[in-house]
PDB file of N, CA and C in Angstrom:
ATOM      1  N   ARG A   1     235.517  73.824  53.303  1.00  0.00           N
ATOM      2  CA  ARG A   1     235.172  73.856  54.715  1.00  0.00           C
ATOM      3  C   ARG A   1     235.857  72.729  55.469  1.00  0.00           C
ATOM      4  N   ALA A   2     235.877  71.559  54.826  1.00  0.00           N
ATOM      5  CA  ALA A   2     236.495  70.403  55.483  1.00  0.00           C
ATOM      6  C   ALA A   2     237.992  70.631  55.703  1.00  0.00           C
ATOM      7  N   LEU A   3     238.661  71.217  54.711  1.00  0.00           N
ATOM      8  CA  LEU A   3     240.088  71.501  54.876  1.00  0.00           C
ATOM      9  C   LEU A   3     240.319  72.521  55.977  1.00  0.00           C
ATOM     10  N   ASP A   4     239.483  73.554  56.025  1.00  0.00           N
ATOM     11  CA  ASP A   4     239.601  74.562  57.081  1.00  0.00           C
ATOM     12  C   ASP A   4     239.364  73.935  58.455  1.00  0.00           C
ATOM     13  N   ALA A   5     238.362  73.082  58.544  1.00  0.00           N
ATOM     14  CA  ALA A   5     238.050  72.437  59.829  1.00  0.00           C
ATOM     15  C   ALA A   5     239.186  71.510  60.257  1.00  0.00           C
ATOM     16  N   ARG A   6     239.776  70.831  59.310  1.00  0.00           N
ATOM     17  CA  ARG A   6     240.816  69.849  59.634  1.00  0.00           C
ATOM     18  C   ARG A   6     242.156  70.499  59.948  1.00  0.00           C
ATOM     19  N   PHE A   7     242.538  71.519  59.161  1.00  0.00           N
ATOM     20  CA  PHE A   7     243.886  72.074  59.270  1.00  0.00           C
ATOM     21  C   PHE A   7     243.942  73.525  59.721  1.00  0.00           C
ATOM     22  N   GLY A   8     242.811  74.211  59.753  1.00  0.00           N
ATOM     23  CA  GLY A   8     242.794  75.630  60.089  1.00  0.00           C
ATOM     24  C   GLY A   8     242.561  76.447  58.840  1.00  0.00           C
ATOM     25  N   ARG A   9     241.987  77.612  59.011  1.00  0.00           N
ATOM     26  CA  ARG A   9     241.613  78.447  57.872  1.00  0.00           C
ATOM     27  C   ARG A   9     242.824  78.772  57.006  1.00  0.00           C
ATOM     28  N   ASN A  10     242.702  78.445  55.728  1.00  0.00           N
ATOM     29  CA  ASN A  10     243.721  78.748  54.716  1.00  0.00           C
ATOM     30  C   ASN A  10     245.082  78.107  54.974  1.00  0.00           C
ATOM     31  N   ALA A  11     245.141  77.091  55.808  1.00  0.00           N
ATOM     32  CA  ALA A  11     246.428  76.453  56.116  1.00  0.00           C
ATOM     33  C   ALA A  11     247.068  75.852  54.873  1.00  0.00           C
ATOM     34  N   ILE A  12     246.262  75.307  53.982  1.00  0.00           N
ATOM     35  CA  ILE A  12     246.798  74.717  52.752  1.00  0.00           C
ATOM     36  C   ILE A  12     247.353  75.820  51.851  1.00  0.00           C
ATOM     37  N   ILE A  13     246.618  76.903  51.704  1.00  0.00           N
ATOM     38  CA  ILE A  13     247.053  78.023  50.863  1.00  0.00           C
ATOM     39  C   ILE A  13     248.338  78.642  51.416  1.00  0.00           C
ATOM     40  N   ARG A  14     248.410  78.780  52.717  1.00  0.00           N
ATOM     41  CA  ARG A  14     249.585  79.390  53.351  1.00  0.00           C
ATOM     42  C   ARG A  14     250.811  78.497  53.290  1.00  0.00           C
ATOM     43  N   ASP A  15     250.611  77.227  52.889  1.00  0.00           N
ATOM     44  CA  ASP A  15     251.704  76.255  52.835  1.00  0.00           C
ATOM     45  C   ASP A  15     252.329  76.088  54.214  1.00  0.00           C
ATOM     46  N   ASP A  16     251.468  75.946  55.202  1.00  0.00           N
ATOM     47  CA  ASP A  16     251.890  75.742  56.586  1.00  0.00           C
ATOM     48  C   ASP A  16     252.777  74.504  56.667  1.00  0.00           C
ATOM     49  N   LYS A  17     253.996  74.659  57.128  1.00  0.00           N
ATOM     50  CA  LYS A  17     254.971  73.563  57.166  1.00  0.00           C
ATOM     51  C   LYS A  17     254.596  72.502  58.203  1.00  0.00           C
ATOM     52  N   ASP A  18     253.732  72.834  59.126  1.00  0.00           N
ATOM     53  CA  ASP A  18     253.326  71.911  60.184  1.00  0.00           C
ATOM     54  C   ASP A  18     252.180  70.993  59.744  1.00  0.00           C
ATOM     55  N   LEU A  19     251.631  71.207  58.567  1.00  0.00           N
ATOM     56  CA  LEU A  19     250.485  70.424  58.095  1.00  0.00           C
ATOM     57  C   LEU A  19     250.748  68.925  58.115  1.00  0.00           C
ATOM     58  N   ILE A  20     251.894  68.527  57.629  1.00  0.00           N
ATOM     59  CA  ILE A  20     252.193  67.104  57.504  1.00  0.00           C
ATOM     60  C   ILE A  20     252.172  66.413  58.864  1.00  0.00           C
ATOM     61  N   ASN A  21     252.470  67.147  59.914  1.00  0.00           N
ATOM     62  CA  ASN A  21     252.456  66.565  61.263  1.00  0.00           C
ATOM     63  C   ASN A  21     251.036  66.316  61.761  1.00  0.00           C
ATOM     64  N   ARG A  22     250.058  66.925  61.118  1.00  0.00           N
ATOM     65  CA  ARG A  22     248.661  66.736  61.514  1.00  0.00           C
ATOM     66  C   ARG A  22     247.993  65.590  60.750  1.00  0.00           C
ATOM     67  N   VAL A  23     248.753  64.973  59.854  1.00  0.00           N
ATOM     68  CA  VAL A  23     248.236  63.863  59.056  1.00  0.00           C
ATOM     69  C   VAL A  23     248.830  62.561  59.626  1.00  0.00           C
ATOM     70  N   PRO A  24     247.979  61.552  59.828  1.00  0.00           N
ATOM     71  CA  PRO A  24     248.500  60.269  60.328  1.00  0.00           C
ATOM     72  C   PRO A  24     249.594  59.725  59.399  1.00  0.00           C
ATOM     73  N   PRO A  25     250.619  59.094  59.963  1.00  0.00           N
ATOM     74  CA  PRO A  25     251.746  58.608  59.153  1.00  0.00           C
ATOM     75  C   PRO A  25     251.335  57.759  57.946  1.00  0.00           C
ATOM     76  N   VAL A  26     250.317  56.922  58.071  1.00  0.00           N
ATOM     77  CA  VAL A  26     249.918  56.059  56.960  1.00  0.00           C
ATOM     78  C   VAL A  26     249.292  56.862  55.815  1.00  0.00           C
ATOM     79  N   GLN A  27     248.857  58.095  56.063  1.00  0.00           N
ATOM     80  CA  GLN A  27     248.217  58.912  55.036  1.00  0.00           C
ATOM     81  C   GLN A  27     249.127  60.000  54.480  1.00  0.00           C
ATOM     82  N   ARG A  28     250.329  60.108  54.993  1.00  0.00           N
ATOM     83  CA  ARG A  28     251.209  61.218  54.609  1.00  0.00           C
ATOM     84  C   ARG A  28     251.625  61.209  53.147  1.00  0.00           C
ATOM     85  N   ARG A  29     251.924  60.054  52.601  1.00  0.00           N
ATOM     86  CA  ARG A  29     252.318  60.012  51.187  1.00  0.00           C
ATOM     87  C   ARG A  29     251.179  60.490  50.296  1.00  0.00           C
ATOM     88  N   ALA A  30     249.975  60.022  50.593  1.00  0.00           N
ATOM     89  CA  ALA A  30     248.807  60.438  49.801  1.00  0.00           C
ATOM     90  C   ALA A  30     248.570  61.937  49.958  1.00  0.00           C
ATOM     91  N   PHE A  31     248.707  62.439  51.183  1.00  0.00           N
ATOM     92  CA  PHE A  31     248.507  63.876  51.422  1.00  0.00           C
ATOM     93  C   PHE A  31     249.535  64.694  50.656  1.00  0.00           C
ATOM     94  N   GLU A  32     250.787  64.281  50.701  1.00  0.00           N
ATOM     95  CA  GLU A  32     251.834  65.004  49.984  1.00  0.00           C
ATOM     96  C   GLU A  32     251.556  65.010  48.482  1.00  0.00           C
ATOM     97  N   ALA A  33     251.065  63.895  47.959  1.00  0.00           N
ATOM     98  CA  ALA A  33     250.755  63.807  46.536  1.00  0.00           C
ATOM     99  C   ALA A  33     249.590  64.721  46.154  1.00  0.00           C
ATOM    100  N   MET A  34     248.656  64.926  47.057  1.00  0.00           N
ATOM    101  CA  MET A  34     247.460  65.733  46.769  1.00  0.00           C
ATOM    102  C   MET A  34     247.586  67.183  47.204  1.00  0.00           C
ATOM    103  N   GLN A  35     248.617  67.521  47.923  1.00  0.00           N
ATOM    104  CA  GLN A  35     248.711  68.845  48.535  1.00  0.00           C
ATOM    105  C   GLN A  35     248.596  69.984  47.530  1.00  0.00           C
ATOM    106  N   GLU A  36     249.246  69.889  46.386  1.00  0.00           N
ATOM    107  CA  GLU A  36     249.171  70.966  45.395  1.00  0.00           C
ATOM    108  C   GLU A  36     247.750  71.086  44.836  1.00  0.00           C
ATOM    109  N   ARG A  37     247.101  69.963  44.604  1.00  0.00           N
ATOM    110  CA  ARG A  37     245.715  69.985  44.126  1.00  0.00           C
ATOM    111  C   ARG A  37     244.789  70.590  45.175  1.00  0.00           C
ATOM    112  N   LEU A  38     245.039  70.274  46.428  1.00  0.00           N
ATOM    113  CA  LEU A  38     244.226  70.845  47.508  1.00  0.00           C
ATOM    114  C   LEU A  38     244.432  72.360  47.585  1.00  0.00           C
ATOM    115  N   ARG A  39     245.657  72.809  47.367  1.00  0.00           N
ATOM    116  CA  ARG A  39     245.962  74.250  47.378  1.00  0.00           C
ATOM    117  C   ARG A  39     245.190  74.944  46.250  1.00  0.00           C
ATOM    118  N   ILE A  40     245.188  74.355  45.071  1.00  0.00           N
ATOM    119  CA  ILE A  40     244.462  74.924  43.936  1.00  0.00           C
ATOM    120  C   ILE A  40     242.964  74.953  44.231  1.00  0.00           C
ATOM    121  N   LEU A  41     242.456  73.858  44.769  1.00  0.00           N
ATOM    122  CA  LEU A  41     241.034  73.791  45.116  1.00  0.00           C
ATOM    123  C   LEU A  41     240.660  74.865  46.127  1.00  0.00           C
ATOM    124  N   GLN A  42     241.438  74.987  47.188  1.00  0.00           N
ATOM    125  CA  GLN A  42     241.124  75.965  48.227  1.00  0.00           C
ATOM    126  C   GLN A  42     241.241  77.392  47.684  1.00  0.00           C
ATOM    127  N   THR A  43     242.220  77.656  46.862  1.00  0.00           N
ATOM    128  CA  THR A  43     242.378  78.984  46.259  1.00  0.00           C
ATOM    129  C   THR A  43     241.183  79.312  45.372  1.00  0.00           C
ATOM    130  N   THR A  44     240.762  78.349  44.573  1.00  0.00           N
ATOM    131  CA  THR A  44     239.618  78.550  43.677  1.00  0.00           C
ATOM    132  C   THR A  44     238.348  78.833  44.463  1.00  0.00           C
ATOM    133  N   VAL A  45     238.116  78.069  45.512  1.00  0.00           N
ATOM    134  CA  VAL A  45     236.926  78.267  46.346  1.00  0.00           C
ATOM    135  C   VAL A  45     236.957  79.650  46.989  1.00  0.00           C
ATOM    136  N   ARG A  46     238.104  80.078  47.467  1.00  0.00           N
ATOM    137  CA  ARG A  46     238.224  81.405  48.092  1.00  0.00           C
ATOM    138  C   ARG A  46     237.921  82.503  47.070  1.00  0.00           C
ATOM    139  N   MET A  47     238.443  82.356  45.863  1.00  0.00           N
ATOM    140  CA  MET A  47     238.210  83.373  44.830  1.00  0.00           C
ATOM    141  C   MET A  47     236.738  83.432  44.454  1.00  0.00           C
ATOM    142  N   GLU A  48     236.102  82.281  44.294  1.00  0.00           N
ATOM    143  CA  GLU A  48     234.683  82.252  43.947  1.00  0.00           C
ATOM    144  C   GLU A  48     233.840  82.856  45.060  1.00  0.00           C
ATOM    145  N   SER A  49     234.196  82.562  46.294  1.00  0.00           N
ATOM    146  CA  SER A  49     233.468  83.114  47.432  1.00  0.00           C
ATOM    147  C   SER A  49     233.615  84.633  47.475  1.00  0.00           C
ATOM    148  N   SER A  50     234.827  85.121  47.235  1.00  0.00           N
ATOM    149  CA  SER A  50     235.064  86.568  47.221  1.00  0.00           C
ATOM    150  C   SER A  50     234.284  87.234  46.100  1.00  0.00           C
ATOM    151  N   ASP A  51     234.274  86.612  44.927  1.00  0.00           N
ATOM    152  CA  ASP A  51     233.525  87.158  43.792  1.00  0.00           C
ATOM    153  C   ASP A  51     232.029  87.229  44.108  1.00  0.00           C
ATOM    154  N   LYS A  52     231.521  86.210  44.761  1.00  0.00           N
ATOM    155  CA  LYS A  52     230.097  86.178  45.122  1.00  0.00           C
ATOM    156  C   LYS A  52     229.762  87.305  46.098  1.00  0.00           C
ATOM    157  N   ILE A  53     230.619  87.508  47.075  1.00  0.00           N
ATOM    158  CA  ILE A  53     230.390  88.570  48.062  1.00  0.00           C
ATOM    159  C   ILE A  53     230.400  89.936  47.382  1.00  0.00           C
ATOM    160  N   VAL A  54     231.364  90.165  46.504  1.00  0.00           N
ATOM    161  CA  VAL A  54     231.455  91.439  45.789  1.00  0.00           C
ATOM    162  C   VAL A  54     230.203  91.657  44.940  1.00  0.00           C
ATOM    163  N   SER A  55     229.758  90.611  44.251  1.00  0.00           N
ATOM    164  CA  SER A  55     228.569  90.710  43.416  1.00  0.00           C
ATOM    165  C   SER A  55     227.330  91.045  44.253  1.00  0.00           C
ATOM    166  N   GLU A  56     227.179  90.380  45.390  1.00  0.00           N
ATOM    167  CA  GLU A  56     226.039  90.656  46.265  1.00  0.00           C
ATOM    168  C   GLU A  56     226.067  92.085  46.786  1.00  0.00           C
ATOM    169  N   ARG A  57     227.239  92.574  47.117  1.00  0.00           N
ATOM    170  CA  ARG A  57     227.364  93.955  47.608  1.00  0.00           C
ATOM    171  C   ARG A  57     227.004  94.956  46.521  1.00  0.00           C
ATOM    172  N   ARG A  58     227.428  94.673  45.300  1.00  0.00           N
ATOM    173  CA  ARG A  58     227.084  95.561  44.181  1.00  0.00           C
ATOM    174  C   ARG A  58     225.577  95.585  43.955  1.00  0.00           C
ATOM    175  N   GLN A  59     224.941  94.414  44.009  1.00  0.00           N
ATOM    176  CA  GLN A  59     223.500  94.340  43.821  1.00  0.00           C
ATOM    177  C   GLN A  59     222.765  95.125  44.899  1.00  0.00           C
ATOM    178  N   ARG A  60     223.221  95.027  46.134  1.00  0.00           N
ATOM    179  CA  ARG A  60     222.581  95.791  47.218  1.00  0.00           C
ATOM    180  C   ARG A  60     222.776  97.285  47.010  1.00  0.00           C
ATOM    181  N   ALA A  61     223.974  97.675  46.570  1.00  0.00           N
ATOM    182  CA  ALA A  61     224.251  99.102  46.352  1.00  0.00           C
ATOM    183  C   ALA A  61     223.374  99.646  45.232  1.00  0.00           C
ATOM    184  N   VAL A  62     223.218  98.890  44.168  1.00  0.00           N
ATOM    185  CA  VAL A  62     222.358  99.320  43.058  1.00  0.00           C
ATOM    186  C   VAL A  62     220.920  99.412  43.539  1.00  0.00           C
ATOM    187  N   GLY A  63     220.486  98.433  44.305  1.00  0.00           N
ATOM    188  CA  GLY A  63     219.122  98.428  44.839  1.00  0.00           C
ATOM    189  C   GLY A  63     218.861  99.610  45.748  1.00  0.00           C
ATOM    190  N   ARG A  64     219.832  99.942  46.578  1.00  0.00           N
ATOM    191  CA  ARG A  64     219.675 101.100  47.474  1.00  0.00           C
ATOM    192  C   ARG A  64     219.633 102.391  46.675  1.00  0.00           C
ATOM    193  N   GLY A  65     220.443 102.445  45.613  1.00  0.00           N
ATOM    194  CA  GLY A  65     220.472 103.640  44.769  1.00  0.00           C
ATOM    195  C   GLY A  65     219.143 103.884  44.078  1.00  0.00           C
ATOM    196  N   ARG A  66     218.431 102.833  43.805  1.00  0.00           N
ATOM    197  CA  ARG A  66     217.138 102.956  43.140  1.00  0.00           C
ATOM    198  C   ARG A  66     215.993 102.927  44.136  1.00  0.00           C
ATOM    199  N   GLY A  67     216.313 102.733  45.399  1.00  0.00           N
ATOM    200  CA  GLY A  67     215.260 102.671  46.413  1.00  0.00           C
ATOM    201  C   GLY A  67     214.534 101.353  46.430  1.00  0.00           C
ATOM    202  N   ILE A  68     215.155 100.307  45.919  1.00  0.00           N
ATOM    203  CA  ILE A  68     214.532  98.988  45.866  1.00  0.00           C
ATOM    204  C   ILE A  68     215.166  98.104  46.930  1.00  0.00           C
ATOM    205  N   ASP A  69     214.349  97.399  47.682  1.00  0.00           N
ATOM    206  CA  ASP A  69     214.838  96.474  48.698  1.00  0.00           C
ATOM    207  C   ASP A  69     214.997  95.109  48.058  1.00  0.00           C
ATOM    208  N   MET A  70     216.229  94.659  47.849  1.00  0.00           N
ATOM    209  CA  MET A  70     216.496  93.375  47.196  1.00  0.00           C
ATOM    210  C   MET A  70     216.415  92.208  48.172  1.00  0.00           C
ATOM    211  N   ASN A  71     216.353  92.483  49.476  1.00  0.00           N
ATOM    212  CA  ASN A  71     216.335  91.404  50.474  1.00  0.00           C
ATOM    213  C   ASN A  71     215.070  90.567  50.399  1.00  0.00           C
ATOM    214  N   GLY A  72     213.973  91.129  49.946  1.00  0.00           N
ATOM    215  CA  GLY A  72     212.717  90.411  49.901  1.00  0.00           C
ATOM    216  C   GLY A  72     212.575  89.486  48.703  1.00  0.00           C
ATOM    217  N   LEU A  73     213.524  89.547  47.775  1.00  0.00           N
ATOM    218  CA  LEU A  73     213.438  88.726  46.551  1.00  0.00           C
ATOM    219  C   LEU A  73     213.979  87.351  46.775  1.00  0.00           C
TER     220      LEU A  73
END
């Protein structure tokens, strides 16, 4: 969330070339050194979030198929 708020949604994953211009000059070396790790982190978080959404949708579909309301649990 912090990366999205600071640089824009998925800016690190997209490898936005303008990112470095949004980092203060004194922090640029550190940012460049961490950029690949930040990309991996953001990609992992996106995948986990997508997996969670898919799982929740499947649970709701199964619940509807059985006539069970899972929202109250």
